[in-house]
Amino acid sequence: MIARIVLIAGLLAAGLGMAACENTVRGFGQDTQKAGQGIQQSVPPERQTQPQPMQ
């Protein structure tokens, strides 16, 4: 009985931890994207270049 309660509590904690981790990773990705957009907007249009394809 106690083992079952411990197992359920462990699974619940793991599920909540995974949900929090996903939100953290998603938030970090959005912050990185916003930072990249800010950098692109700070460069004058005449200085912007397109990435060259790798050979």
N, C-alpha and C. Protein backbone atom coordinates (compact mmCIF):
# COMPACT_ATOMS: atom_id res chain seq x y z
N MET A 1 0.83 -1.20 0.00
CA MET A 1 0.00 0.00 0.00
C MET A 1 0.87 1.26 0.00
N ILE A 2 1.84 1.28 0.90
CA ILE A 2 2.72 2.46 0.96
C ILE A 2 3.54 2.57 -0.31
N ALA A 3 3.98 1.43 -0.84
CA ALA A 3 4.76 1.45 -2.07
C ALA A 3 3.93 2.01 -3.22
N ARG A 4 2.67 1.70 -3.26
CA ARG A 4 1.78 2.21 -4.32
C ARG A 4 1.64 3.73 -4.20
N ILE A 5 1.48 4.23 -2.99
CA ILE A 5 1.36 5.68 -2.77
C ILE A 5 2.65 6.38 -3.18
N VAL A 6 3.79 5.78 -2.81
CA VAL A 6 5.08 6.37 -3.17
C VAL A 6 5.24 6.36 -4.70
N LEU A 7 4.83 5.29 -5.34
CA LEU A 7 4.92 5.20 -6.80
C LEU A 7 4.05 6.26 -7.47
N ILE A 8 2.83 6.42 -7.00
CA ILE A 8 1.93 7.42 -7.56
C ILE A 8 2.48 8.83 -7.35
N ALA A 9 2.99 9.09 -6.14
CA ALA A 9 3.57 10.41 -5.86
C ALA A 9 4.79 10.67 -6.75
N GLY A 10 5.60 9.65 -6.96
CA GLY A 10 6.77 9.80 -7.81
C GLY A 10 6.40 10.08 -9.26
N LEU A 11 5.40 9.35 -9.77
CA LEU A 11 4.94 9.60 -11.13
C LEU A 11 4.33 10.99 -11.29
N LEU A 12 3.60 11.42 -10.29
CA LEU A 12 3.01 12.75 -10.33
C LEU A 12 4.10 13.83 -10.32
N ALA A 13 5.09 13.65 -9.47
CA ALA A 13 6.19 14.62 -9.42
C ALA A 13 6.97 14.64 -10.73
N ALA A 14 7.20 13.46 -11.32
CA ALA A 14 7.92 13.40 -12.59
C ALA A 14 7.12 14.09 -13.70
N GLY A 15 5.81 13.89 -13.71
CA GLY A 15 4.97 14.53 -14.72
C GLY A 15 4.98 16.04 -14.59
N LEU A 16 4.89 16.52 -13.37
CA LEU A 16 4.93 17.97 -13.16
C LEU A 16 6.30 18.53 -13.53
N GLY A 17 7.35 17.79 -13.22
CA GLY A 17 8.70 18.23 -13.57
C GLY A 17 8.89 18.32 -15.06
N MET A 18 8.37 17.34 -15.79
CA MET A 18 8.49 17.36 -17.25
C MET A 18 7.71 18.53 -17.85
N ALA A 19 6.55 18.82 -17.31
CA ALA A 19 5.75 19.95 -17.81
C ALA A 19 6.49 21.26 -17.57
N ALA A 20 7.09 21.40 -16.40
CA ALA A 20 7.84 22.63 -16.10
C ALA A 20 9.05 22.75 -17.01
N CYS A 21 9.71 21.65 -17.27
CA CYS A 21 10.89 21.66 -18.14
C CYS A 21 10.51 22.08 -19.56
N GLU A 22 9.40 21.57 -20.06
CA GLU A 22 8.96 21.93 -21.41
C GLU A 22 8.68 23.42 -21.50
N ASN A 23 8.03 23.98 -20.48
CA ASN A 23 7.74 25.41 -20.48
C ASN A 23 9.02 26.23 -20.42
N THR A 24 10.00 25.77 -19.66
CA THR A 24 11.28 26.48 -19.57
C THR A 24 11.99 26.48 -20.91
N VAL A 25 12.03 25.35 -21.56
CA VAL A 25 12.71 25.26 -22.86
C VAL A 25 11.98 26.11 -23.89
N ARG A 26 10.66 26.05 -23.90
CA ARG A 26 9.89 26.86 -24.84
C ARG A 26 10.13 28.35 -24.58
N GLY A 27 10.13 28.75 -23.32
CA GLY A 27 10.38 30.16 -22.98
C GLY A 27 11.76 30.61 -23.39
N PHE A 28 12.76 29.73 -23.20
CA PHE A 28 14.13 30.07 -23.60
C PHE A 28 14.21 30.24 -25.11
N GLY A 29 13.53 29.38 -25.85
CA GLY A 29 13.52 29.50 -27.31
C GLY A 29 12.87 30.79 -27.77
N GLN A 30 11.79 31.18 -27.12
CA GLN A 30 11.11 32.43 -27.48
C GLN A 30 11.99 33.63 -27.15
N ASP A 31 12.69 33.59 -26.02
CA ASP A 31 13.58 34.68 -25.66
C ASP A 31 14.72 34.81 -26.67
N THR A 32 15.26 33.67 -27.09
CA THR A 32 16.34 33.69 -28.07
C THR A 32 15.86 34.25 -29.40
N GLN A 33 14.66 33.86 -29.80
CA GLN A 33 14.10 34.37 -31.06
C GLN A 33 13.88 35.88 -30.98
N LYS A 34 13.36 36.37 -29.86
CA LYS A 34 13.15 37.81 -29.71
C LYS A 34 14.47 38.56 -29.73
N ALA A 35 15.50 37.99 -29.12
CA ALA A 35 16.81 38.64 -29.12
C ALA A 35 17.36 38.72 -30.55
N GLY A 36 17.20 37.65 -31.31
CA GLY A 36 17.65 37.66 -32.71
C GLY A 36 16.92 38.69 -33.54
N GLN A 37 15.63 38.82 -33.31
CA GLN A 37 14.84 39.82 -34.03
C GLN A 37 15.30 41.23 -33.66
N GLY A 38 15.60 41.44 -32.39
CA GLY A 38 16.09 42.74 -31.94
C GLY A 38 17.41 43.10 -32.59
N ILE A 39 18.28 42.11 -32.71
CA ILE A 39 19.58 42.35 -33.36
C ILE A 39 19.37 42.68 -34.83
N GLN A 40 18.51 41.94 -35.50
CA GLN A 40 18.26 42.22 -36.92
C GLN A 40 17.67 43.61 -37.12
N GLN A 41 16.80 44.04 -36.23
CA GLN A 41 16.19 45.36 -36.37
C GLN A 41 17.16 46.48 -36.05
N SER A 42 18.22 46.19 -35.28
CA SER A 42 19.18 47.23 -34.92
C SER A 42 20.21 47.49 -36.01
N VAL A 43 20.32 46.58 -36.98
CA VAL A 43 21.27 46.75 -38.08
C VAL A 43 20.61 47.56 -39.18
N PRO A 44 21.26 48.63 -39.66
CA PRO A 44 20.68 49.42 -40.75
C PRO A 44 20.45 48.54 -41.99
N PRO A 45 19.40 48.82 -42.75
CA PRO A 45 19.07 47.98 -43.93
C PRO A 45 20.22 47.85 -44.92
N GLU A 46 21.01 48.88 -45.11
CA GLU A 46 22.09 48.80 -46.10
C GLU A 46 23.22 47.89 -45.64
N ARG A 47 23.28 47.57 -44.36
CA ARG A 47 24.34 46.69 -43.84
C ARG A 47 23.88 45.25 -43.70
N GLN A 48 22.61 44.99 -43.92
CA GLN A 48 22.11 43.62 -43.78
C GLN A 48 22.50 42.80 -44.99
N THR A 49 22.94 41.60 -44.75
CA THR A 49 23.32 40.69 -45.82
C THR A 49 22.55 39.39 -45.66
N GLN A 50 22.41 38.68 -46.75
CA GLN A 50 21.76 37.38 -46.71
C GLN A 50 22.83 36.32 -46.46
N PRO A 51 22.51 35.28 -45.72
CA PRO A 51 23.50 34.21 -45.50
C PRO A 51 23.85 33.53 -46.82
N GLN A 52 25.12 33.24 -46.98
CA GLN A 52 25.60 32.58 -48.19
C GLN A 52 25.47 31.07 -48.01
N PRO A 53 25.06 30.35 -49.06
CA PRO A 53 24.97 28.89 -48.95
C PRO A 53 26.35 28.27 -48.76
N MET A 54 26.41 27.19 -47.99
CA MET A 54 27.67 26.50 -47.77
C MET A 54 28.02 25.68 -49.00
N GLN A 55 29.31 25.60 -49.31
CA GLN A 55 29.74 24.83 -50.48
C GLN A 55 30.43 23.58 -50.06
